[in-house]
Amino acid sequence: RAAPFLAPHFTTRVLQMAEAEGRPLDGAWRTSLDAELQALLEA
């Protein structure tokens, strides 16, 4: 099936760390990832 999100391993790890820190899982989170570079490396 089509992936419902980009950089899945990275965002999964981000959520794990945020949950461990007790951070509220809402709002907009700006990460350091470069989506275009991510696509190049995935290829």
Full PDB file with SEQRES, HELIX, SHEET, SSBOND, CRYST1, ORIGX, SCALE, CONECT and MASTER records, all heavy atoms in Angstrom:
SEQRES   1 A   43  ARG ALA ALA PRO PHE LEU ALA PRO HIS PHE THR THR ARG          
SEQRES   2 A   43  VAL LEU GLN MET ALA GLU ALA GLU GLY ARG PRO LEU ASP          
SEQRES   3 A   43  GLY ALA TRP ARG THR SER LEU ASP ALA GLU LEU GLN ALA          
SEQRES   4 A   43  LEU LEU GLU ALA                                              
HELIX    1 AA1 PRO A    8  ALA A   20  1                                  13    
HELIX    2 AA2 ALA A   35  GLU A   42  1                                   8    
CRYST1    1.000    1.000    1.000  90.00  90.00  90.00 P 1           1          
ORIGX1      1.000000  0.000000  0.000000        0.00000                         
ORIGX2      0.000000  1.000000  0.000000        0.00000                         
ORIGX3      0.000000  0.000000  1.000000        0.00000                         
SCALE1      1.000000  0.000000  0.000000        0.00000                         
SCALE2      0.000000  1.000000  0.000000        0.00000                         
SCALE3      0.000000  0.000000  1.000000        0.00000                         
ATOM      1  N   ARG A   1       0.840  -1.197   0.000  1.00  0.00           N  
ATOM      2  CA  ARG A   1       0.000   0.000   0.000  1.00  0.00           C  
ATOM      3  C   ARG A   1       0.875   1.248   0.000  1.00  0.00           C  
ATOM      4  O   ARG A   1       2.044   1.209   0.366  1.00  0.00           O  
ATOM      5  CB  ARG A   1      -0.918   0.021   1.213  1.00  0.00           C  
ATOM      6  CG  ARG A   1      -0.225   0.280   2.540  1.00  0.00           C  
ATOM      7  CD  ARG A   1      -1.235   0.190   3.671  1.00  0.00           C  
ATOM      8  NE  ARG A   1      -0.632   0.497   4.956  1.00  0.00           N  
ATOM      9  CZ  ARG A   1      -0.564   1.699   5.479  1.00  0.00           C  
ATOM     10  NH1 ARG A   1      -0.997   2.734   4.773  1.00  0.00           N  
ATOM     11  NH2 ARG A   1      -0.027   1.910   6.649  1.00  0.00           N  
ATOM     12  N   ALA A   2       0.308   2.353  -0.418  1.00  0.00           N  
ATOM     13  CA  ALA A   2       1.057   3.612  -0.440  1.00  0.00           C  
ATOM     14  C   ALA A   2       1.302   4.088   0.985  1.00  0.00           C  
ATOM     15  O   ALA A   2       0.438   3.997   1.846  1.00  0.00           O  
ATOM     16  CB  ALA A   2       0.283   4.668  -1.215  1.00  0.00           C  
ATOM     17  N   ALA A   3       2.506   4.606   1.216  1.00  0.00           N  
ATOM     18  CA  ALA A   3       2.846   5.096   2.550  1.00  0.00           C  
ATOM     19  C   ALA A   3       2.052   6.346   2.874  1.00  0.00           C  
ATOM     20  O   ALA A   3       1.975   7.254   2.067  1.00  0.00           O  
ATOM     21  CB  ALA A   3       4.334   5.393   2.623  1.00  0.00           C  
ATOM     22  N   PRO A   4       1.446   6.405   4.041  1.00  0.00           N  
ATOM     23  CA  PRO A   4       0.647   7.592   4.388  1.00  0.00           C  
ATOM     24  C   PRO A   4       1.497   8.737   4.903  1.00  0.00           C  
ATOM     25  O   PRO A   4       0.977   9.772   5.238  1.00  0.00           O  
ATOM     26  CB  PRO A   4      -0.280   7.064   5.484  1.00  0.00           C  
ATOM     27  CG  PRO A   4       0.527   5.993   6.163  1.00  0.00           C  
ATOM     28  CD  PRO A   4       1.348   5.363   5.071  1.00  0.00           C  
ATOM     29  N   PHE A   5       2.826   8.536   5.006  1.00  0.00           N  
ATOM     30  CA  PHE A   5       3.681   9.622   5.469  1.00  0.00           C  
ATOM     31  C   PHE A   5       5.084   9.433   4.922  1.00  0.00           C  
ATOM     32  O   PHE A   5       5.450   8.362   4.462  1.00  0.00           O  
ATOM     33  CB  PHE A   5       3.693   9.724   6.990  1.00  0.00           C  
ATOM     34  CG  PHE A   5       3.952   8.431   7.706  1.00  0.00           C  
ATOM     35  CD1 PHE A   5       5.226   7.931   7.854  1.00  0.00           C  
ATOM     36  CD2 PHE A   5       2.901   7.705   8.248  1.00  0.00           C  
ATOM     37  CE1 PHE A   5       5.468   6.752   8.518  1.00  0.00           C  
ATOM     38  CE2 PHE A   5       3.124   6.516   8.918  1.00  0.00           C  
ATOM     39  CZ  PHE A   5       4.418   6.039   9.054  1.00  0.00           C  
ATOM     40  N   LEU A   6       5.865  10.491   4.959  1.00  0.00           N  
ATOM     41  CA  LEU A   6       7.230  10.472   4.453  1.00  0.00           C  
ATOM     42  C   LEU A   6       8.204  10.180   5.586  1.00  0.00           C  
ATOM     43  O   LEU A   6       7.887  10.386   6.751  1.00  0.00           O  
ATOM     44  CB  LEU A   6       7.561  11.816   3.802  1.00  0.00           C  
ATOM     45  CG  LEU A   6       6.621  12.279   2.691  1.00  0.00           C  
ATOM     46  CD1 LEU A   6       7.036  13.655   2.195  1.00  0.00           C  
ATOM     47  CD2 LEU A   6       6.599  11.285   1.542  1.00  0.00           C  
ATOM     48  N   ALA A   7       9.418   9.747   5.200  1.00  0.00           N  
ATOM     49  CA  ALA A   7      10.466   9.437   6.186  1.00  0.00           C  
ATOM     50  C   ALA A   7       9.915   8.622   7.350  1.00  0.00           C  
ATOM     51  O   ALA A   7      10.003   9.033   8.509  1.00  0.00           O  
ATOM     52  CB  ALA A   7      11.102  10.732   6.700  1.00  0.00           C  
ATOM     53  N   PRO A   8       9.339   7.455   7.093  1.00  0.00           N  
ATOM     54  CA  PRO A   8       8.625   6.722   8.149  1.00  0.00           C  
ATOM     55  C   PRO A   8       9.484   6.306   9.332  1.00  0.00           C  
ATOM     56  O   PRO A   8       9.044   6.404  10.476  1.00  0.00           O  
ATOM     57  CB  PRO A   8       8.043   5.510   7.415  1.00  0.00           C  
ATOM     58  CG  PRO A   8       8.884   5.362   6.189  1.00  0.00           C  
ATOM     59  CD  PRO A   8       9.292   6.732   5.799  1.00  0.00           C  
ATOM     60  N   HIS A   9      10.718   5.824   9.084  1.00  0.00           N  
ATOM     61  CA  HIS A   9      11.550   5.429  10.219  1.00  0.00           C  
ATOM     62  C   HIS A   9      11.902   6.639  11.086  1.00  0.00           C  
ATOM     63  O   HIS A   9      11.904   6.555  12.315  1.00  0.00           O  
ATOM     64  CB  HIS A   9      12.840   4.758   9.727  1.00  0.00           C  
ATOM     65  CG  HIS A   9      12.639   3.381   9.178  1.00  0.00           C  
ATOM     66  ND1 HIS A   9      12.620   3.117   7.832  1.00  0.00           N  
ATOM     67  CD2 HIS A   9      12.448   2.185   9.796  1.00  0.00           C  
ATOM     68  CE1 HIS A   9      12.426   1.820   7.646  1.00  0.00           C  
ATOM     69  NE2 HIS A   9      12.318   1.232   8.813  1.00  0.00           N  
ATOM     70  N   PHE A  10      12.208   7.737  10.443  1.00  0.00           N  
ATOM     71  CA  PHE A  10      12.581   8.945  11.182  1.00  0.00           C  
ATOM     72  C   PHE A  10      11.411   9.460  12.016  1.00  0.00           C  
ATOM     73  O   PHE A  10      11.556   9.719  13.224  1.00  0.00           O  
ATOM     74  CB  PHE A  10      13.053  10.015  10.204  1.00  0.00           C  
ATOM     75  CG  PHE A  10      13.285  11.360  10.837  1.00  0.00           C  
ATOM     76  CD1 PHE A  10      14.376  11.579  11.660  1.00  0.00           C  
ATOM     77  CD2 PHE A  10      12.410  12.411  10.599  1.00  0.00           C  
ATOM     78  CE1 PHE A  10      14.597  12.822  12.236  1.00  0.00           C  
ATOM     79  CE2 PHE A  10      12.622  13.654  11.170  1.00  0.00           C  
ATOM     80  CZ  PHE A  10      13.712  13.863  11.992  1.00  0.00           C  
ATOM     81  N   THR A  11      10.241   9.606  11.411  1.00  0.00           N  
ATOM     82  CA  THR A  11       9.106  10.148  12.160  1.00  0.00           C  
ATOM     83  C   THR A  11       8.648   9.185  13.252  1.00  0.00           C  
ATOM     84  O   THR A  11       8.204   9.624  14.315  1.00  0.00           O  
ATOM     85  CB  THR A  11       7.937  10.461  11.215  1.00  0.00           C  
ATOM     86  OG1 THR A  11       7.612   9.311  10.416  1.00  0.00           O  
ATOM     87  CG2 THR A  11       8.298  11.607  10.282  1.00  0.00           C  
ATOM     88  N   THR A  12       8.786   7.891  13.000  1.00  0.00           N  
ATOM     89  CA  THR A  12       8.455   6.919  14.045  1.00  0.00           C  
ATOM     90  C   THR A  12       9.382   7.089  15.243  1.00  0.00           C  
ATOM     91  O   THR A  12       8.949   7.067  16.401  1.00  0.00           O  
ATOM     92  CB  THR A  12       8.559   5.484  13.489  1.00  0.00           C  
ATOM     93  OG1 THR A  12       7.582   5.303  12.465  1.00  0.00           O  
ATOM     94  CG2 THR A  12       8.335   4.456  14.586  1.00  0.00           C  
ATOM     95  N   ARG A  13      10.663   7.290  14.961  1.00  0.00           N  
ATOM     96  CA  ARG A  13      11.622   7.491  16.055  1.00  0.00           C  
ATOM     97  C   ARG A  13      11.342   8.787  16.796  1.00  0.00           C  
ATOM     98  O   ARG A  13      11.442   8.854  18.028  1.00  0.00           O  
ATOM     99  CB  ARG A  13      13.042   7.508  15.479  1.00  0.00           C  
ATOM    100  CG  ARG A  13      14.132   7.566  16.539  1.00  0.00           C  
ATOM    101  CD  ARG A  13      14.170   6.292  17.359  1.00  0.00           C  
ATOM    102  NE  ARG A  13      15.275   6.277  18.296  1.00  0.00           N  
ATOM    103  CZ  ARG A  13      15.553   5.274  19.102  1.00  0.00           C  
ATOM    104  NH1 ARG A  13      14.802   4.186  19.088  1.00  0.00           N  
ATOM    105  NH2 ARG A  13      16.571   5.336  19.933  1.00  0.00           N  
ATOM    106  N   VAL A  14      11.000   9.831  16.065  1.00  0.00           N  
ATOM    107  CA  VAL A  14      10.675  11.113  16.694  1.00  0.00           C  
ATOM    108  C   VAL A  14       9.514  10.952  17.665  1.00  0.00           C  
ATOM    109  O   VAL A  14       9.544  11.458  18.792  1.00  0.00           O  
ATOM    110  CB  VAL A  14      10.350  12.165  15.617  1.00  0.00           C  
ATOM    111  CG1 VAL A  14       9.658  13.382  16.232  1.00  0.00           C  
ATOM    112  CG2 VAL A  14      11.616  12.604  14.897  1.00  0.00           C  
ATOM    113  N   LEU A  15       8.490  10.229  17.246  1.00  0.00           N  
ATOM    114  CA  LEU A  15       7.329  10.028  18.121  1.00  0.00           C  
ATOM    115  C   LEU A  15       7.695   9.199  19.343  1.00  0.00           C  
ATOM    116  O   LEU A  15       7.215   9.474  20.452  1.00  0.00           O  
ATOM    117  CB  LEU A  15       6.200   9.358  17.342  1.00  0.00           C  
ATOM    118  CG  LEU A  15       5.476  10.258  16.337  1.00  0.00           C  
ATOM    119  CD1 LEU A  15       4.555   9.450  15.459  1.00  0.00           C  
ATOM    120  CD2 LEU A  15       4.692  11.340  17.074  1.00  0.00           C  
ATOM    121  N   GLN A  16       8.532   8.196  19.164  1.00  0.00           N  
ATOM    122  CA  GLN A  16       8.962   7.400  20.317  1.00  0.00           C  
ATOM    123  C   GLN A  16       9.669   8.271  21.346  1.00  0.00           C  
ATOM    124  O   GLN A  16       9.399   8.179  22.554  1.00  0.00           O  
ATOM    125  CB  GLN A  16       9.903   6.287  19.860  1.00  0.00           C  
ATOM    126  CG  GLN A  16       9.232   5.115  19.184  1.00  0.00           C  
ATOM    127  CD  GLN A  16      10.243   4.063  18.795  1.00  0.00           C  
ATOM    128  OE1 GLN A  16      10.939   4.192  17.797  1.00  0.00           O  
ATOM    129  NE2 GLN A  16      10.346   3.022  19.588  1.00  0.00           N  
ATOM    130  N   MET A  17      10.573   9.114  20.884  1.00  0.00           N  
ATOM    131  CA  MET A  17      11.314   9.972  21.808  1.00  0.00           C  
ATOM    132  C   MET A  17      10.392  10.995  22.464  1.00  0.00           C  
ATOM    133  O   MET A  17      10.511  11.277  23.664  1.00  0.00           O  
ATOM    134  CB  MET A  17      12.457  10.670  21.064  1.00  0.00           C  
ATOM    135  CG  MET A  17      13.537   9.710  20.599  1.00  0.00           C  
ATOM    136  SD  MET A  17      14.971  10.545  19.878  1.00  0.00           S  
ATOM    137  CE  MET A  17      14.218  11.347  18.470  1.00  0.00           C  
ATOM    138  N   ALA A  18       9.475  11.545  21.694  1.00  0.00           N  
ATOM    139  CA  ALA A  18       8.554  12.538  22.248  1.00  0.00           C  
ATOM    140  C   ALA A  18       7.645  11.918  23.307  1.00  0.00           C  
ATOM    141  O   ALA A  18       7.379  12.520  24.350  1.00  0.00           O  
ATOM    142  CB  ALA A  18       7.721  13.157  21.128  1.00  0.00           C  
ATOM    143  N   GLU A  19       7.166  10.695  23.043  1.00  0.00           N  
ATOM    144  CA  GLU A  19       6.316  10.024  24.020  1.00  0.00           C  
ATOM    145  C   GLU A  19       7.104   9.704  25.288  1.00  0.00           C  
ATOM    146  O   GLU A  19       6.590   9.819  26.398  1.00  0.00           O  
ATOM    147  CB  GLU A  19       5.727   8.753  23.410  1.00  0.00           C  
ATOM    148  CG  GLU A  19       4.689   9.018  22.321  1.00  0.00           C  
ATOM    149  CD  GLU A  19       4.168   7.740  21.688  1.00  0.00           C  
ATOM    150  OE1 GLU A  19       4.619   6.650  22.090  1.00  0.00           O  
ATOM    151  OE2 GLU A  19       3.321   7.836  20.786  1.00  0.00           O  
ATOM    152  N   ALA A  20       8.363   9.291  25.118  1.00  0.00           N  
ATOM    153  CA  ALA A  20       9.195   8.991  26.288  1.00  0.00           C  
ATOM    154  C   ALA A  20       9.445  10.235  27.127  1.00  0.00           C  
ATOM    155  O   ALA A  20       9.573  10.162  28.349  1.00  0.00           O  
ATOM    156  CB  ALA A  20      10.524   8.382  25.842  1.00  0.00           C  
ATOM    157  N   GLU A  21       9.507  11.385  26.478  1.00  0.00           N  
ATOM    158  CA  GLU A  21       9.723  12.647  27.191  1.00  0.00           C  
ATOM    159  C   GLU A  21       8.436  13.227  27.759  1.00  0.00           C  
ATOM    160  O   GLU A  21       8.468  14.231  28.477  1.00  0.00           O  
ATOM    161  CB  GLU A  21      10.348  13.672  26.241  1.00  0.00           C  
ATOM    162  CG  GLU A  21      11.742  13.287  25.743  1.00  0.00           C  
ATOM    163  CD  GLU A  21      12.203  14.164  24.598  1.00  0.00           C  
ATOM    164  OE1 GLU A  21      11.428  15.079  24.212  1.00  0.00           O  
ATOM    165  OE2 GLU A  21      13.317  13.942  24.095  1.00  0.00           O  
ATOM    166  N   GLY A  22       7.289  12.606  27.426  1.00  0.00           N  
ATOM    167  CA  GLY A  22       6.010  13.122  27.897  1.00  0.00           C  
ATOM    168  C   GLY A  22       5.567  14.371  27.161  1.00  0.00           C  
ATOM    169  O   GLY A  22       4.761  15.150  27.675  1.00  0.00           O  
ATOM    170  N   ARG A  23       6.053  14.553  25.948  1.00  0.00           N  
ATOM    171  CA  ARG A  23       5.702  15.741  25.177  1.00  0.00           C  
ATOM    172  C   ARG A  23       4.299  15.584  24.608  1.00  0.00           C  
ATOM    173  O   ARG A  23       3.949  14.526  24.065  1.00  0.00           O  
ATOM    174  CB  ARG A  23       6.722  15.925  24.046  1.00  0.00           C  
ATOM    175  CG  ARG A  23       6.498  17.161  23.207  1.00  0.00           C  
ATOM    176  CD  ARG A  23       7.661  17.376  22.265  1.00  0.00           C  
ATOM    177  NE  ARG A  23       7.453  18.558  21.458  1.00  0.00           N  
ATOM    178  CZ  ARG A  23       8.389  19.136  20.730  1.00  0.00           C  
ATOM    179  NH1 ARG A  23       9.610  18.629  20.735  1.00  0.00           N  
ATOM    180  NH2 ARG A  23       8.132  20.201  20.014  1.00  0.00           N  
ATOM    181  N   PRO A  24       3.451  16.622  24.673  1.00  0.00           N  
ATOM    182  CA  PRO A  24       2.096  16.535  24.102  1.00  0.00           C  
ATOM    183  C   PRO A  24       2.163  16.269  22.605  1.00  0.00           C  
ATOM    184  O   PRO A  24       2.911  16.933  21.877  1.00  0.00           O  
ATOM    185  CB  PRO A  24       1.504  17.919  24.386  1.00  0.00           C  
ATOM    186  CG  PRO A  24       2.307  18.460  25.516  1.00  0.00           C  
ATOM    187  CD  PRO A  24       3.684  17.916  25.347  1.00  0.00           C  
ATOM    188  N   LEU A  25       1.392  15.291  22.147  1.00  0.00           N  
ATOM    189  CA  LEU A  25       1.433  14.894  20.743  1.00  0.00           C  
ATOM    190  C   LEU A  25       0.423  15.705  19.949  1.00  0.00           C  
ATOM    191  O   LEU A  25      -0.550  15.177  19.390  1.00  0.00           O  
ATOM    192  CB  LEU A  25       1.169  13.391  20.617  1.00  0.00           C  
ATOM    193  CG  LEU A  25       2.147  12.487  21.366  1.00  0.00           C  
ATOM    194  CD1 LEU A  25       1.816  11.028  21.136  1.00  0.00           C  
ATOM    195  CD2 LEU A  25       3.573  12.782  20.963  1.00  0.00           C  
ATOM    196  N   ASP A  26       0.621  16.986  19.893  1.00  0.00           N  
ATOM    197  CA  ASP A  26      -0.246  17.841  19.087  1.00  0.00           C  
ATOM    198  C   ASP A  26       0.541  19.068  18.644  1.00  0.00           C  
ATOM    199  O   ASP A  26       1.671  19.302  19.074  1.00  0.00           O  
ATOM    200  CB  ASP A  26      -1.508  18.241  19.858  1.00  0.00           C  
ATOM    201  CG  ASP A  26      -1.188  18.982  21.159  1.00  0.00           C  
ATOM    202  OD1 ASP A  26      -0.005  19.283  21.408  1.00  0.00           O  
ATOM    203  OD2 ASP A  26      -2.122  19.255  21.918  1.00  0.00           O  
ATOM    204  N   GLY A  27      -0.034  19.810  17.735  1.00  0.00           N  
ATOM    205  CA  GLY A  27       0.625  20.993  17.211  1.00  0.00           C  
ATOM    206  C   GLY A  27       1.454  20.668  15.980  1.00  0.00           C  
ATOM    207  O   GLY A  27       1.367  19.580  15.400  1.00  0.00           O  
ATOM    208  N   ALA A  28       2.268  21.607  15.539  1.00  0.00           N  
ATOM    209  CA  ALA A  28       3.149  21.447  14.381  1.00  0.00           C  
ATOM    210  C   ALA A  28       4.595  21.360  14.856  1.00  0.00           C  
ATOM    211  O   ALA A  28       5.071  22.254  15.559  1.00  0.00           O  
ATOM    212  CB  ALA A  28       2.972  22.615  13.418  1.00  0.00           C  
ATOM    213  N   TRP A  29       5.258  20.286  14.499  1.00  0.00           N  
ATOM    214  CA  TRP A  29       6.648  20.086  14.894  1.00  0.00           C  
ATOM    215  C   TRP A  29       7.535  20.257  13.666  1.00  0.00           C  
ATOM    216  O   TRP A  29       7.427  19.508  12.691  1.00  0.00           O  
ATOM    217  CB  TRP A  29       6.877  18.688  15.455  1.00  0.00           C  
ATOM    218  CG  TRP A  29       6.140  18.402  16.726  1.00  0.00           C  
ATOM    219  CD1 TRP A  29       5.333  19.237  17.429  1.00  0.00           C  
ATOM    220  CD2 TRP A  29       6.146  17.156  17.443  1.00  0.00           C  
ATOM    221  NE1 TRP A  29       4.830  18.605  18.540  1.00  0.00           N  
ATOM    222  CE2 TRP A  29       5.314  17.330  18.574  1.00  0.00           C  
ATOM    223  CE3 TRP A  29       6.758  15.936  17.249  1.00  0.00           C  
ATOM    224  CZ2 TRP A  29       5.090  16.308  19.485  1.00  0.00           C  
ATOM    225  CZ3 TRP A  29       6.537  14.921  18.154  1.00  0.00           C  
ATOM    226  CH2 TRP A  29       5.715  15.104  19.270  1.00  0.00           C  
ATOM    227  N   ARG A  30       8.440  21.219  13.700  1.00  0.00           N  
ATOM    228  CA  ARG A  30       9.407  21.409  12.627  1.00  0.00           C  
ATOM    229  C   ARG A  30      10.656  20.588  12.952  1.00  0.00           C  
ATOM    230  O   ARG A  30      11.281  20.796  13.990  1.00  0.00           O  
ATOM    231  CB  ARG A  30       9.757  22.891  12.490  1.00  0.00           C  
ATOM    232  CG  ARG A  30      10.699  23.216  11.337  1.00  0.00           C  
ATOM    233  CD  ARG A  30      10.015  23.058   9.987  1.00  0.00           C  
ATOM    234  NE  ARG A  30       8.928  23.996   9.816  1.00  0.00           N  
ATOM    235  CZ  ARG A  30       9.032  25.193   9.237  1.00  0.00           C  
ATOM    236  NH1 ARG A  30      10.200  25.596   8.779  1.00  0.00           N  
ATOM    237  NH2 ARG A  30       7.982  25.963   9.093  1.00  0.00           N  
ATOM    238  N   THR A  31      11.005  19.645  12.085  1.00  0.00           N  
ATOM    239  CA  THR A  31      12.171  18.803  12.313  1.00  0.00           C  
ATOM    240  C   THR A  31      13.340  19.296  11.458  1.00  0.00           C  
ATOM    241  O   THR A  31      13.206  20.213  10.649  1.00  0.00           O  
ATOM    242  CB  THR A  31      11.886  17.335  11.968  1.00  0.00           C  
ATOM    243  OG1 THR A  31      11.781  17.194  10.544  1.00  0.00           O  
ATOM    244  CG2 THR A  31      10.598  16.853  12.630  1.00  0.00           C  
ATOM    245  N   SER A  32      14.475  18.660  11.619  1.00  0.00           N  
ATOM    246  CA  SER A  32      15.676  19.031  10.867  1.00  0.00           C  
ATOM    247  C   SER A  32      15.778  18.302   9.535  1.00  0.00           C  
ATOM    248  O   SER A  32      16.647  18.608   8.716  1.00  0.00           O  
ATOM    249  CB  SER A  32      16.919  18.723  11.703  1.00  0.00           C  
ATOM    250  OG  SER A  32      16.986  17.328  11.988  1.00  0.00           O  
ATOM    251  N   LEU A  33      14.905  17.327   9.286  1.00  0.00           N  
ATOM    252  CA  LEU A  33      15.023  16.483   8.102  1.00  0.00           C  
ATOM    253  C   LEU A  33      14.819  17.292   6.818  1.00  0.00           C  
ATOM    254  O   LEU A  33      13.969  18.187   6.768  1.00  0.00           O  
ATOM    255  CB  LEU A  33      13.992  15.351   8.161  1.00  0.00           C  
ATOM    256  CG  LEU A  33      14.239  14.221   7.167  1.00  0.00           C  
ATOM    257  CD1 LEU A  33      15.166  13.190   7.779  1.00  0.00           C  
ATOM    258  CD2 LEU A  33      12.936  13.554   6.746  1.00  0.00           C  
ATOM    259  N   ASP A  34      15.575  16.937   5.798  1.00  0.00           N  
ATOM    260  CA  ASP A  34      15.424  17.522   4.466  1.00  0.00           C  
ATOM    261  C   ASP A  34      14.683  16.510   3.608  1.00  0.00           C  
ATOM    262  O   ASP A  34      15.253  15.488   3.215  1.00  0.00           O  
ATOM    263  CB  ASP A  34      16.806  17.831   3.882  1.00  0.00           C  
ATOM    264  CG  ASP A  34      16.737  18.486   2.510  1.00  0.00           C  
ATOM    265  OD1 ASP A  34      15.747  18.282   1.791  1.00  0.00           O  
ATOM    266  OD2 ASP A  34      17.697  19.199   2.156  1.00  0.00           O  
ATOM    267  N   ALA A  35      13.410  16.770   3.305  1.00  0.00           N  
ATOM    268  CA  ALA A  35      12.581  15.789   2.608  1.00  0.00           C  
ATOM    269  C   ALA A  35      13.123  15.466   1.215  1.00  0.00           C  
ATOM    270  O   ALA A  35      13.033  14.319   0.758  1.00  0.00           O  
ATOM    271  CB  ALA A  35      11.146  16.299   2.504  1.00  0.00           C  
ATOM    272  N   GLU A  36      13.683  16.448   0.521  1.00  0.00           N  
ATOM    273  CA  GLU A  36      14.209  16.188  -0.822  1.00  0.00           C  
ATOM    274  C   GLU A  36      15.462  15.313  -0.757  1.00  0.00           C  
ATOM    275  O   GLU A  36      15.629  14.386  -1.556  1.00  0.00           O  
ATOM    276  CB  GLU A  36      14.502  17.506  -1.526  1.00  0.00           C  
ATOM    277  CG  GLU A  36      13.239  18.308  -1.832  1.00  0.00           C  
ATOM    278  CD  GLU A  36      13.531  19.516  -2.695  1.00  0.00           C  
ATOM    279  OE1 GLU A  36      14.500  19.474  -3.479  1.00  0.00           O  
ATOM    280  OE2 GLU A  36      12.797  20.510  -2.587  1.00  0.00           O  
ATOM    281  N   LEU A  37      16.352  15.597   0.174  1.00  0.00           N  
ATOM    282  CA  LEU A  37      17.519  14.737   0.349  1.00  0.00           C  
ATOM    283  C   LEU A  37      17.089  13.346   0.789  1.00  0.00           C  
ATOM    284  O   LEU A  37      17.654  12.335   0.349  1.00  0.00           O  
ATOM    285  CB  LEU A  37      18.476  15.345   1.370  1.00  0.00           C  
ATOM    286  CG  LEU A  37      19.726  14.520   1.691  1.00  0.00           C  
ATOM    287  CD1 LEU A  37      20.579  14.307   0.451  1.00  0.00           C  
ATOM    288  CD2 LEU A  37      20.541  15.187   2.799  1.00  0.00           C  
ATOM    289  N   GLN A  38      16.092  13.261   1.647  1.00  0.00           N  
ATOM    290  CA  GLN A  38      15.568  11.976   2.098  1.00  0.00           C  
ATOM    291  C   GLN A  38      15.113  11.130   0.912  1.00  0.00           C  
ATOM    292  O   GLN A  38      15.432   9.943   0.824  1.00  0.00           O  
ATOM    293  CB  GLN A  38      14.396  12.200   3.056  1.00  0.00           C  
ATOM    294  CG  GLN A  38      13.673  10.946   3.508  1.00  0.00           C  
ATOM    295  CD  GLN A  38      14.422  10.160   4.566  1.00  0.00           C  
ATOM    296  OE1 GLN A  38      15.346  10.683   5.181  1.00  0.00           O  
ATOM    297  NE2 GLN A  38      14.018   8.922   4.790  1.00  0.00           N  
ATOM    298  N   ALA A  39      14.391  11.743  -0.014  1.00  0.00           N  
ATOM    299  CA  ALA A  39      13.916  11.010  -1.188  1.00  0.00           C  
ATOM    300  C   ALA A  39      15.079  10.515  -2.040  1.00  0.00           C  
ATOM    301  O   ALA A  39      15.050   9.388  -2.561  1.00  0.00           O  
ATOM    302  CB  ALA A  39      12.994  11.906  -2.014  1.00  0.00           C  
ATOM    303  N   LEU A  40      16.125  11.330  -2.190  1.00  0.00           N  
ATOM    304  CA  LEU A  40      17.299  10.914  -2.958  1.00  0.00           C  
ATOM    305  C   LEU A  40      17.968   9.699  -2.324  1.00  0.00           C  
ATOM    306  O   LEU A  40      18.331   8.735  -3.013  1.00  0.00           O  
ATOM    307  CB  LEU A  40      18.299  12.065  -3.051  1.00  0.00           C  
ATOM    308  CG  LEU A  40      17.894  13.277  -3.889  1.00  0.00           C  
ATOM    309  CD1 LEU A  40      18.931  14.383  -3.751  1.00  0.00           C  
ATOM    310  CD2 LEU A  40      17.726  12.890  -5.360  1.00  0.00           C  
ATOM    311  N   LEU A  41      18.130   9.721  -1.000  1.00  0.00           N  
ATOM    312  CA  LEU A  41      18.802   8.610  -0.329  1.00  0.00           C  
ATOM    313  C   LEU A  41      17.945   7.355  -0.299  1.00  0.00           C  
ATOM    314  O   LEU A  41      18.473   6.237  -0.376  1.00  0.00           O  
ATOM    315  CB  LEU A  41      19.219   9.019   1.086  1.00  0.00           C  
ATOM    316  CG  LEU A  41      20.700   9.426   1.184  1.00  0.00           C  
ATOM    317  CD1 LEU A  41      20.948  10.689   0.371  1.00  0.00           C  
ATOM    318  CD2 LEU A  41      21.116   9.639   2.608  1.00  0.00           C  
ATOM    319  N   GLU A  42      16.637   7.509  -0.173  1.00  0.00           N  
ATOM    320  CA  GLU A  42      15.770   6.333  -0.234  1.00  0.00           C  
ATOM    321  C   GLU A  42      15.918   5.633  -1.582  1.00  0.00           C  
ATOM    322  O   GLU A  42      15.961   4.401  -1.657  1.00  0.00           O  
ATOM    323  CB  GLU A  42      14.321   6.741   0.011  1.00  0.00           C  
ATOM    324  CG  GLU A  42      14.021   7.117   1.457  1.00  0.00           C  
ATOM    325  CD  GLU A  42      12.590   7.590   1.647  1.00  0.00           C  
ATOM    326  OE1 GLU A  42      11.872   7.731   0.634  1.00  0.00           O  
ATOM    327  OE2 GLU A  42      12.195   7.827   2.804  1.00  0.00           O  
ATOM    328  N   ALA A  43      16.013   6.422  -2.664  1.00  0.00           N  
ATOM    329  CA  ALA A  43      16.192   5.837  -3.994  1.00  0.00           C  
ATOM    330  C   ALA A  43      17.539   5.131  -4.099  1.00  0.00           C  
ATOM    331  O   ALA A  43      17.639   4.048  -4.697  1.00  0.00           O  
ATOM    332  CB  ALA A  43      16.075   6.930  -5.056  1.00  0.00           C  
TER     333      ALA A  43                                                      
MASTER        0    0    0    2    0    0    0    6  332    1    0    4          
END                                                                             
